[in-house]
Every structure is written in structure tokens, then in C-alpha cells.
C-alpha atoms as a PDB file:
ATOM      1  CA  MET A   1     -21.149   6.340 -11.295  1.00  0.00           C
ATOM      2  CA  THR A   2     -18.899   7.123 -14.243  1.00  0.00           C
ATOM      3  CA  LEU A   3     -15.121   6.863 -14.255  1.00  0.00           C
ATOM      4  CA  ASN A   4     -14.697  10.631 -14.131  1.00  0.00           C
ATOM      5  CA  GLU A   5     -17.069  10.878 -11.166  1.00  0.00           C
ATOM      6  CA  ILE A   6     -15.172   8.170  -9.291  1.00  0.00           C
ATOM      7  CA  ASP A   7     -11.916   9.928 -10.173  1.00  0.00           C
ATOM      8  CA  ALA A   8     -13.153  13.098  -8.460  1.00  0.00           C
ATOM      9  CA  TRP A   9     -14.263  11.058  -5.435  1.00  0.00           C
ATOM     10  CA  PHE A  10     -10.870   9.340  -5.068  1.00  0.00           C
ATOM     11  CA  LYS A  11      -9.038  12.656  -5.329  1.00  0.00           C
ATOM     12  CA  SER A  12     -11.297  14.259  -2.718  1.00  0.00           C
ATOM     13  CA  PHE A  13      -9.739  12.210   0.083  1.00  0.00           C
ATOM     14  CA  LEU A  14      -6.492  10.739  -1.295  1.00  0.00           C
ATOM     15  CA  LYS A  15      -5.310  14.203  -2.419  1.00  0.00           C
ATOM     16  CA  PRO A  16      -2.611  13.211  -4.944  1.00  0.00           C
ATOM     17  CA  GLU A  17      -1.788  16.871  -5.557  1.00  0.00           C
ATOM     18  CA  GLU A  18      -0.069  16.919  -2.150  1.00  0.00           C
ATOM     19  CA  TYR A  19       2.453  14.299  -3.322  1.00  0.00           C
ATOM     20  CA  GLY A  20       3.961  15.936  -6.366  1.00  0.00           C
ATOM     21  CA  ALA A  21       7.328  14.205  -5.930  1.00  0.00           C
ATOM     22  CA  ASP A  22       5.718  10.801  -6.435  1.00  0.00           C
ATOM     23  CA  PRO A  23       6.795   9.534  -9.889  1.00  0.00           C
ATOM     24  CA  SER A  24       3.868   7.123 -10.102  1.00  0.00           C
ATOM     25  CA  ARG A  25       1.419   9.240 -12.121  1.00  0.00           C
ATOM     26  CA  ASN A  26      -1.439   8.791  -9.684  1.00  0.00           C
ATOM     27  CA  GLY A  27      -5.016   8.764 -10.934  1.00  0.00           C
ATOM     28  CA  ILE A  28      -6.587   7.348 -14.095  1.00  0.00           C
ATOM     29  CA  GLN A  29      -3.868   5.450 -15.946  1.00  0.00           C
ATOM     30  CA  ILE A  30      -6.105   3.713 -18.487  1.00  0.00           C
ATOM     31  CA  GLN A  31      -9.574   5.071 -19.169  1.00  0.00           C
ATOM     32  CA  ASN A  32     -12.542   3.080 -20.414  1.00  0.00           C
ATOM     33  CA  SER A  33     -14.390   3.663 -23.676  1.00  0.00           C
ATOM     34  CA  ALA A  34     -16.721   6.323 -22.247  1.00  0.00           C
ATOM     35  CA  PRO A  35     -15.360   7.902 -19.024  1.00  0.00           C
ATOM     36  CA  ASP A  36     -18.183  10.472 -18.914  1.00  0.00           C
ATOM     37  CA  THR A  37     -21.119   8.130 -19.510  1.00  0.00           C
ATOM     38  CA  LYS A  38     -20.320   4.455 -18.953  1.00  0.00           C
ATOM     39  CA  GLU A  39     -21.685   3.285 -15.606  1.00  0.00           C
ATOM     40  CA  ILE A  40     -19.306   1.564 -13.224  1.00  0.00           C
ATOM     41  CA  THR A  41     -21.119  -0.852 -10.943  1.00  0.00           C
ATOM     42  CA  LYS A  42     -18.252  -3.051  -9.711  1.00  0.00           C
ATOM     43  CA  VAL A  43     -14.719  -2.110  -8.663  1.00  0.00           C
ATOM     44  CA  ALA A  44     -11.844  -4.565  -8.233  1.00  0.00           C
ATOM     45  CA  VAL A  45      -8.887  -3.694  -6.017  1.00  0.00           C
ATOM     46  CA  ALA A  46      -5.400  -5.222  -6.103  1.00  0.00           C
ATOM     47  CA  VAL A  47      -1.870  -4.367  -5.022  1.00  0.00           C
ATOM     48  CA  ASP A  48      -0.364  -4.614  -8.512  1.00  0.00           C
ATOM     49  CA  ALA A  49      -1.452  -3.716 -12.033  1.00  0.00           C
ATOM     50  CA  CYS A  50      -0.475  -6.649 -14.238  1.00  0.00           C
ATOM     51  CA  GLU A  51      -1.977  -8.942 -16.838  1.00  0.00           C
ATOM     52  CA  GLN A  52      -3.263 -11.405 -14.229  1.00  0.00           C
ATOM     53  CA  THR A  53      -5.041  -8.824 -12.061  1.00  0.00           C
ATOM     54  CA  ALA A  54      -6.641  -7.251 -15.140  1.00  0.00           C
ATOM     55  CA  LEU A  55      -7.904 -10.583 -16.453  1.00  0.00           C
ATOM     56  CA  GLU A  56      -9.243 -11.662 -13.058  1.00  0.00           C
ATOM     57  CA  ALA A  57     -10.944  -8.298 -12.529  1.00  0.00           C
ATOM     58  CA  ALA A  58     -12.600  -8.516 -15.949  1.00  0.00           C
ATOM     59  CA  LYS A  59     -13.659 -12.111 -15.332  1.00  0.00           C
ATOM     60  CA  ALA A  60     -15.278 -11.014 -12.054  1.00  0.00           C
ATOM     61  CA  GLY A  61     -17.330  -8.404 -13.943  1.00  0.00           C
ATOM     62  CA  ALA A  62     -15.504  -5.296 -12.724  1.00  0.00           C
ATOM     63  CA  GLN A  63     -15.298  -2.204 -14.930  1.00  0.00           C
ATOM     64  CA  LEU A  64     -12.544  -0.538 -12.872  1.00  0.00           C
ATOM     65  CA  LEU A  65      -9.367  -1.842 -11.236  1.00  0.00           C
ATOM     66  CA  PHE A  66      -7.949   0.237  -8.362  1.00  0.00           C
ATOM     67  CA  VAL A  67      -4.328  -0.548  -7.474  1.00  0.00           C
ATOM     68  CA  HIS A  68      -1.414   0.626  -5.349  1.00  0.00           C
ATOM     69  CA  HIS A  69       1.270  -0.171  -7.926  1.00  0.00           C
ATOM     70  CA  GLY A  70       0.230   1.128 -11.323  1.00  0.00           C
ATOM     71  CA  MET A  71       1.723   0.863 -14.803  1.00  0.00           C
ATOM     72  CA  PHE A  72       3.856   4.016 -14.774  1.00  0.00           C
ATOM     73  CA  TRP A  73       7.001   4.795 -12.781  1.00  0.00           C
ATOM     74  CA  GLY A  74       8.341   8.057 -14.136  1.00  0.00           C
ATOM     75  CA  ASP A  75       9.506   7.572 -17.729  1.00  0.00           C
ATOM     76  CA  CYS A  76       7.279   5.921 -20.301  1.00  0.00           C
ATOM     77  CA  GLU A  77       8.261   2.645 -21.942  1.00  0.00           C
ATOM     78  CA  PRO A  78       7.573   1.045 -25.328  1.00  0.00           C
ATOM     79  CA  ILE A  79       4.356  -0.967 -25.482  1.00  0.00           C
ATOM     80  CA  VAL A  80       5.982  -4.209 -26.572  1.00  0.00           C
ATOM     81  CA  GLY A  81       6.424  -7.698 -25.117  1.00  0.00           C
ATOM     82  CA  HIS A  82       4.987  -8.141 -21.631  1.00  0.00           C
ATOM     83  CA  VAL A  83       4.011  -4.451 -21.479  1.00  0.00           C
ATOM     84  CA  TYR A  84       1.796  -4.945 -24.530  1.00  0.00           C
ATOM     85  CA  LYS A  85       0.159  -7.965 -22.846  1.00  0.00           C
ATOM     86  CA  ARG A  86      -0.644  -5.845 -19.801  1.00  0.00           C
ATOM     87  CA  TYR A  87      -2.246  -3.058 -21.819  1.00  0.00           C
ATOM     88  CA  GLN A  88      -4.099  -5.539 -23.990  1.00  0.00           C
ATOM     89  CA  ALA A  89      -5.715  -7.136 -20.937  1.00  0.00           C
ATOM     90  CA  PHE A  90      -7.227  -3.769 -19.993  1.00  0.00           C
ATOM     91  CA  LEU A  91      -8.156  -2.477 -23.444  1.00  0.00           C
ATOM     92  CA  LYS A  92      -9.637  -5.748 -24.715  1.00  0.00           C
ATOM     93  CA  ASN A  93     -11.969  -5.868 -21.695  1.00  0.00           C
ATOM     94  CA  ASP A  94     -12.688  -2.101 -21.593  1.00  0.00           C
ATOM     95  CA  LEU A  95     -11.354  -2.168 -18.036  1.00  0.00           C
ATOM     96  CA  ALA A  96     -10.228   1.138 -16.557  1.00  0.00           C
ATOM     97  CA  LEU A  97      -7.112   1.327 -14.378  1.00  0.00           C
ATOM     98  CA  TYR A  98      -6.723   3.673 -11.418  1.00  0.00           C
ATOM     99  CA  ALA A  99      -3.532   3.880  -9.338  1.00  0.00           C
ATOM    100  CA  MET A 100      -2.595   5.572  -6.083  1.00  0.00           C
ATOM    101  CA  HIS A 101       0.922   5.033  -4.775  1.00  0.00           C
ATOM    102  CA  ILE A 102       2.334   7.405  -2.117  1.00  0.00           C
ATOM    103  CA  PRO A 103      -1.098   8.959  -1.425  1.00  0.00           C
ATOM    104  CA  LEU A 104      -2.309   5.479  -0.458  1.00  0.00           C
ATOM    105  CA  ASP A 105       0.715   4.840   1.755  1.00  0.00           C
ATOM    106  CA  ALA A 106       0.228   8.073   3.657  1.00  0.00           C
ATOM    107  CA  ASN A 107      -3.536   8.558   3.861  1.00  0.00           C
ATOM    108  CA  ASN A 108      -5.252   8.843   7.233  1.00  0.00           C
ATOM    109  CA  PRO A 109      -7.233   6.656   7.842  1.00  0.00           C
ATOM    110  CA  CYS A 110      -7.325   4.662   4.572  1.00  0.00           C
ATOM    111  CA  GLY A 111      -3.610   4.305   3.907  1.00  0.00           C
ATOM    112  CA  ASN A 112      -1.300   1.346   4.390  1.00  0.00           C
ATOM    113  CA  ASN A 113       0.574   2.857   7.315  1.00  0.00           C
ATOM    114  CA  TRP A 114      -2.329   4.330   9.275  1.00  0.00           C
ATOM    115  CA  GLY A 115      -4.169   1.078   8.660  1.00  0.00           C
ATOM    116  CA  LEU A 116      -1.266  -0.961  10.052  1.00  0.00           C
ATOM    117  CA  ALA A 117      -1.062   1.382  13.047  1.00  0.00           C
ATOM    118  CA  ALA A 118      -4.736   0.752  13.790  1.00  0.00           C
ATOM    119  CA  ARG A 119      -4.215  -2.992  13.372  1.00  0.00           C
ATOM    120  CA  VAL A 120      -1.467  -3.126  16.038  1.00  0.00           C
ATOM    121  CA  GLY A 121      -3.275  -0.665  18.311  1.00  0.00           C
ATOM    122  CA  LEU A 122      -0.860   2.273  18.233  1.00  0.00           C
ATOM    123  CA  LYS A 123      -1.852   5.334  20.236  1.00  0.00           C
ATOM    124  CA  ASN A 124      -0.750   8.958  19.897  1.00  0.00           C
ATOM    125  CA  VAL A 125      -0.072   8.255  16.238  1.00  0.00           C
ATOM    126  CA  GLU A 126       1.718  10.918  14.227  1.00  0.00           C
ATOM    127  CA  PRO A 127       3.306  11.179  10.782  1.00  0.00           C
ATOM    128  CA  PHE A 128       6.830   9.774  10.466  1.00  0.00           C
ATOM    129  CA  GLY A 129       9.277   8.873   7.716  1.00  0.00           C
ATOM    130  CA  GLN A 130      10.364  11.184   4.897  1.00  0.00           C
ATOM    131  CA  TRP A 131      10.949  10.254   1.265  1.00  0.00           C
ATOM    132  CA  LYS A 132      11.637  12.925  -1.350  1.00  0.00           C
ATOM    133  CA  GLY A 133      10.167  15.511   1.010  1.00  0.00           C
ATOM    134  CA  MET A 134       6.942  13.535   1.493  1.00  0.00           C
ATOM    135  CA  THR A 135       5.886  11.960   4.802  1.00  0.00           C
ATOM    136  CA  LEU A 136       4.846   8.351   4.248  1.00  0.00           C
ATOM    137  CA  GLY A 137       4.665   6.503   7.544  1.00  0.00           C
ATOM    138  CA  VAL A 138       3.534   6.798  11.136  1.00  0.00           C
ATOM    139  CA  LYS A 139       4.895   6.299  14.630  1.00  0.00           C
ATOM    140  CA  GLY A 140       3.210   5.856  17.981  1.00  0.00           C
ATOM    141  CA  GLN A 141       3.028   4.041  21.301  1.00  0.00           C
ATOM    142  CA  LEU A 142       1.508   0.733  22.269  1.00  0.00           C
ATOM    143  CA  ASP A 143      -1.056   0.717  25.069  1.00  0.00           C
ATOM    144  CA  LYS A 144       0.716  -2.272  26.570  1.00  0.00           C
ATOM    145  CA  PRO A 145       4.365  -3.220  25.920  1.00  0.00           C
ATOM    146  CA  CYS A 146       4.783  -6.434  23.961  1.00  0.00           C
ATOM    147  CA  SER A 147       7.447  -8.752  22.578  1.00  0.00           C
ATOM    148  CA  ILE A 148       8.593  -8.644  18.986  1.00  0.00           C
ATOM    149  CA  GLU A 149       6.807 -11.959  18.388  1.00  0.00           C
ATOM    150  CA  GLU A 150       3.502 -10.497  19.590  1.00  0.00           C
ATOM    151  CA  LEU A 151       3.966  -7.374  17.495  1.00  0.00           C
ATOM    152  CA  ALA A 152       4.774  -9.417  14.380  1.00  0.00           C
ATOM    153  CA  LYS A 153       1.618 -11.481  14.906  1.00  0.00           C
ATOM    154  CA  ASN A 154      -0.529  -8.360  15.185  1.00  0.00           C
ATOM    155  CA  VAL A 155       0.946  -6.647  12.123  1.00  0.00           C
ATOM    156  CA  LEU A 156      -0.343  -9.259   9.684  1.00  0.00           C
ATOM    157  CA  ASN A 157      -3.621 -10.982   8.944  1.00  0.00           C
ATOM    158  CA  PRO A 158      -4.268 -14.447  10.377  1.00  0.00           C
ATOM    159  CA  GLY A 159      -2.321 -17.042   8.425  1.00  0.00           C
ATOM    160  CA  GLU A 160       0.251 -14.568   7.108  1.00  0.00           C
ATOM    161  CA  LYS A 161       3.876 -14.772   8.184  1.00  0.00           C
ATOM    162  CA  PRO A 162       6.480 -11.986   8.214  1.00  0.00           C
ATOM    163  CA  VAL A 163       9.372 -12.266   5.795  1.00  0.00           C
ATOM    164  CA  THR A 164      11.938 -11.267   8.429  1.00  0.00           C
ATOM    165  CA  VAL A 165      11.918 -10.733  12.207  1.00  0.00           C
ATOM    166  CA  LEU A 166      15.095  -9.309  13.749  1.00  0.00           C
ATOM    167  CA  PRO A 167      14.994  -9.176  17.596  1.00  0.00           C
ATOM    168  CA  PHE A 168      17.864  -6.724  17.964  1.00  0.00           C
ATOM    169  CA  GLY A 169      16.312  -4.275  20.402  1.00  0.00           C
ATOM    170  CA  LYS A 170      14.412  -4.081  23.670  1.00  0.00           C
ATOM    171  CA  LYS A 171      12.571  -7.181  24.869  1.00  0.00           C
ATOM    172  CA  GLU A 172       9.529  -5.046  25.712  1.00  0.00           C
ATOM    173  CA  ILE A 173       8.481  -2.871  22.786  1.00  0.00           C
ATOM    174  CA  LYS A 174       6.649   0.367  23.556  1.00  0.00           C
ATOM    175  CA  THR A 175       7.249   2.630  20.545  1.00  0.00           C
ATOM    176  CA  VAL A 176       6.872   1.632  16.899  1.00  0.00           C
ATOM    177  CA  GLY A 177       7.512   3.223  13.510  1.00  0.00           C
ATOM    178  CA  ILE A 178       5.737   1.909  10.416  1.00  0.00           C
ATOM    179  CA  ILE A 179       6.504   2.410   6.724  1.00  0.00           C
ATOM    180  CA  SER A 180       5.024  -0.216   4.384  1.00  0.00           C
ATOM    181  CA  GLY A 181       6.507  -1.637   1.213  1.00  0.00           C
ATOM    182  CA  GLY A 182      10.131  -1.312   0.117  1.00  0.00           C
ATOM    183  CA  SER A 183      11.140   0.845   3.056  1.00  0.00           C
ATOM    184  CA  GLY A 184      13.942  -1.094   4.740  1.00  0.00           C
ATOM    185  CA  ASP A 185      16.439   1.694   4.036  1.00  0.00           C
ATOM    186  CA  ASP A 186      14.353   3.965   6.245  1.00  0.00           C
ATOM    187  CA  VAL A 187      15.326   2.081   9.395  1.00  0.00           C
ATOM    188  CA  TRP A 188      17.792   4.900  10.086  1.00  0.00           C
ATOM    189  CA  GLN A 189      14.844   7.241  10.623  1.00  0.00           C
ATOM    190  CA  ALA A 190      13.377   4.895  13.238  1.00  0.00           C
ATOM    191  CA  ILE A 191      16.770   4.786  14.967  1.00  0.00           C
ATOM    192  CA  GLU A 192      17.047   8.564  14.807  1.00  0.00           C
ATOM    193  CA  HIS A 193      13.630   8.885  16.478  1.00  0.00           C
ATOM    194  CA  GLY A 194      14.646   6.464  19.231  1.00  0.00           C
ATOM    195  CA  LEU A 195      11.924   3.931  18.448  1.00  0.00           C
ATOM    196  CA  ASP A 196      11.915   0.424  19.898  1.00  0.00           C
ATOM    197  CA  ALA A 197      10.770  -1.267  16.687  1.00  0.00           C
ATOM    198  CA  PHE A 198      10.506  -0.592  12.980  1.00  0.00           C
ATOM    199  CA  VAL A 199       7.867  -2.267  10.810  1.00  0.00           C
ATOM    200  CA  CYS A 200       8.480  -2.273   7.057  1.00  0.00           C
ATOM    201  CA  GLY A 201       7.748  -4.424   4.034  1.00  0.00           C
ATOM    202  CA  GLU A 202      11.208  -5.416   2.806  1.00  0.00           C
ATOM    203  CA  PHE A 203      14.525  -5.437   4.653  1.00  0.00           C
ATOM    204  CA  GLU A 204      17.691  -5.866   2.632  1.00  0.00           C
ATOM    205  CA  HIS A 205      20.722  -8.010   3.479  1.00  0.00           C
ATOM    206  CA  GLN A 206      23.068  -5.039   3.829  1.00  0.00           C
ATOM    207  CA  LEU A 207      20.896  -3.547   6.594  1.00  0.00           C
ATOM    208  CA  TYR A 208      21.112  -6.558   8.925  1.00  0.00           C
ATOM    209  CA  HIS A 209      24.242  -5.528  10.806  1.00  0.00           C
ATOM    210  CA  TYR A 210      23.272  -1.869  10.740  1.00  0.00           C
ATOM    211  CA  ALA A 211      20.069  -2.691  12.644  1.00  0.00           C
ATOM    212  CA  LYS A 212      21.895  -5.051  15.006  1.00  0.00           C
ATOM    213  CA  GLU A 213      24.629  -2.576  15.852  1.00  0.00           C
ATOM    214  CA  ASN A 214      22.062   0.135  16.515  1.00  0.00           C
ATOM    215  CA  GLY A 215      19.938  -2.126  18.717  1.00  0.00           C
ATOM    216  CA  ILE A 216      16.536  -1.850  17.038  1.00  0.00           C
ATOM    217  CA  ASN A 217      13.866  -4.508  16.512  1.00  0.00           C
ATOM    218  CA  VAL A 218      12.792  -4.929  12.881  1.00  0.00           C
ATOM    219  CA  ILE A 219       9.767  -6.669  11.396  1.00  0.00           C
ATOM    220  CA  ALA A 220       9.630  -6.982   7.613  1.00  0.00           C
ATOM    221  CA  GLY A 221       6.046  -8.014   7.020  1.00  0.00           C
ATOM    222  CA  GLY A 222       6.484  -8.406   3.280  1.00  0.00           C
ATOM    223  CA  HIS A 223       6.102  -5.779   0.572  1.00  0.00           C
ATOM    224  CA  TYR A 224       2.890  -7.340  -0.666  1.00  0.00           C
ATOM    225  CA  GLN A 225       1.370  -8.202   2.714  1.00  0.00           C
ATOM    226  CA  THR A 226       1.907  -4.722   4.182  1.00  0.00           C
ATOM    227  CA  GLU A 227       0.308  -3.129   1.140  1.00  0.00           C
ATOM    228  CA  THR A 228      -2.939  -5.056   0.959  1.00  0.00           C
ATOM    229  CA  VAL A 229      -4.102  -2.856   3.832  1.00  0.00           C
ATOM    230  CA  GLY A 230      -4.820   0.405   2.034  1.00  0.00           C
ATOM    231  CA  ILE A 231      -6.550  -1.020  -1.011  1.00  0.00           C
ATOM    232  CA  ASN A 232      -8.936  -2.968   1.219  1.00  0.00           C
ATOM    233  CA  LEU A 233      -9.687   0.075   3.367  1.00  0.00           C
ATOM    234  CA  VAL A 234     -10.509   1.958   0.161  1.00  0.00           C
ATOM    235  CA  ARG A 235     -12.589  -1.013  -1.000  1.00  0.00           C
ATOM    236  CA  GLN A 236     -14.652  -0.823   2.199  1.00  0.00           C
ATOM    237  CA  LYS A 237     -15.053   2.931   1.734  1.00  0.00           C
ATOM    238  CA  ILE A 238     -16.285   2.399  -1.849  1.00  0.00           C
ATOM    239  CA  GLU A 239     -18.943  -0.032  -0.650  1.00  0.00           C
ATOM    240  CA  LYS A 240     -20.046   2.168   2.245  1.00  0.00           C
ATOM    241  CA  GLU A 241     -20.058   5.573   0.565  1.00  0.00           C
ATOM    242  CA  LEU A 242     -20.697   4.791  -3.108  1.00  0.00           C
ATOM    243  CA  GLY A 243     -22.776   1.638  -2.731  1.00  0.00           C
ATOM    244  CA  LEU A 244     -20.796  -0.154  -5.443  1.00  0.00           C
ATOM    245  CA  GLU A 245     -19.931  -3.840  -5.469  1.00  0.00           C
ATOM    246  CA  THR A 246     -16.231  -4.584  -4.915  1.00  0.00           C
ATOM    247  CA  ILE A 247     -13.819  -7.494  -5.083  1.00  0.00           C
ATOM    248  CA  PHE A 248     -10.242  -7.953  -3.816  1.00  0.00           C
ATOM    249  CA  ILE A 249      -7.951  -9.638  -6.340  1.00  0.00           C
ATOM    250  CA  ASP A 250      -5.411 -11.364  -4.095  1.00  0.00           C
ATOM    251  CA  ILE A 251      -2.200 -12.364  -5.878  1.00  0.00           C
ATOM    252  CA  PRO A 252       0.527 -12.751  -3.219  1.00  0.00           C
ATOM    253  CA  THR A 253       4.112 -12.513  -4.440  1.00  0.00           C
ATOM    254  CA  GLY A 254       5.740 -13.924  -1.301  1.00  0.00           C
ATOM    255  CA  LEU A 255       7.989 -10.860  -1.219  1.00  0.00           C
END
């Protein structure tokens, strides 16, 4: 497949046009030398677009890197210093870059939040969590009530540890809200919905007492760790539906 053909395929189910308030400029961010004719046979996926992911993707023989965090966040910036090094890593290797931010958080079933909901076994899942008029997360019920320790274990992959666990709510958790990434500030929405627990990526210092005083359990699974979910679900979909080889470039940040 060519880059433009894969672009159409991504848009067919991630639907970036429905997330117009996202400043991330979703879609092709760096094309290759021949987007209409050059064959793409291997796709790398990663959470972040950076020099290291580009170089590792190129070394692995990929012609396209699909990421959650792309190069653009609203305004453009001069291509100097470290920004130049990032672009150079793509252009020198004729490696295309494709980014999906909010559409990959919110997608059902390939997004970060629906993927996390499936991982912990939520039932009666429905959209939850607004940001700039867009719904990002999900909420639902557990089949069987569990402790915060059990929920934290189920949120992440084996061997991964949450950044923060705050047992400020009910001992037996039945209802859960999930918004991946830098979503700690959205704990108020979980409180407003009367949920027993809130799963996010990051949780800031200033929110500690707010959560405690409102009596809600919080699990911050890590910005990076909660956002490896969607890219790997898309990677599996690429292999299954397009028959292309894929590779996950895993560069944990510890955050």
C-alpha cells in the first residue's frame, strides 16, 4: 500500500474530522518521497514522535511511523536545534510520520480508553470525560467489585507499575472512569458522575487533597503506560486487515 492509501484507511475508522478542536494536526505530518507510489510494507508504532523513535523505526526497516504524540501542537515552530534533529531523522531515512492524538484516545474499540476498559473488564461501557467539547474517555461497571490494588494490577501490563495509587474511596470498587494520558485534572468529572475510581495517566500534586476530600480512588497508571494501548491495538489491526508487517518501538519515559 502507498502512504496515501494507508492515510485513507486510518481516517476511515479513526475519523479525525470529528475532533476538530484537537490542536494536534492529526494525519500525515511528514510524507515520504512518493506518497502516491512508494510501497509501504512495514509500519512502526510508538507513543512519541522523536529522533530516537524515528531512528529505531528506520533501522527496523519501517517506511512509516504511526504515533499518538506527533510533531505539531497548534502553532508551528522554527526547525532549529533539537527540532531540526527530529525532522532530519525522518527526512534522511525517507520515513513518513503519521499521528493521531484525540481520535486515538477516544476510538472504540482501538483507542487508549476503550482498550483500557476492555483490559480491566468494564461492562456497560459508555463515553465519559469532556475536553474542549470532545468526549475522550469511558466509564462503566466491573462484573465483580475489587480493591484498588486489584484494579491497578489489571490496568497495566505485567511488569508495569502505576505511578500513583491513592486509596481515598470505597474499599470495594464497582464503577470506574478512565481517561488516559495527562488527564489528572479531569478527576472532578469522575467525582461529578459519582464513580468509585478514576484511572488516568498523570495525577498532579495539587489534586491530592482534592481527591482525598472528595473520597475517590485514583490510579495514575503513567502517561506513557496508559497510551501504549491504542497504538498497539492499531498495530494489530494493521496486521490483520492490511497484512503489513509491524513493530512496536517501546521507549518508556517513566512518566
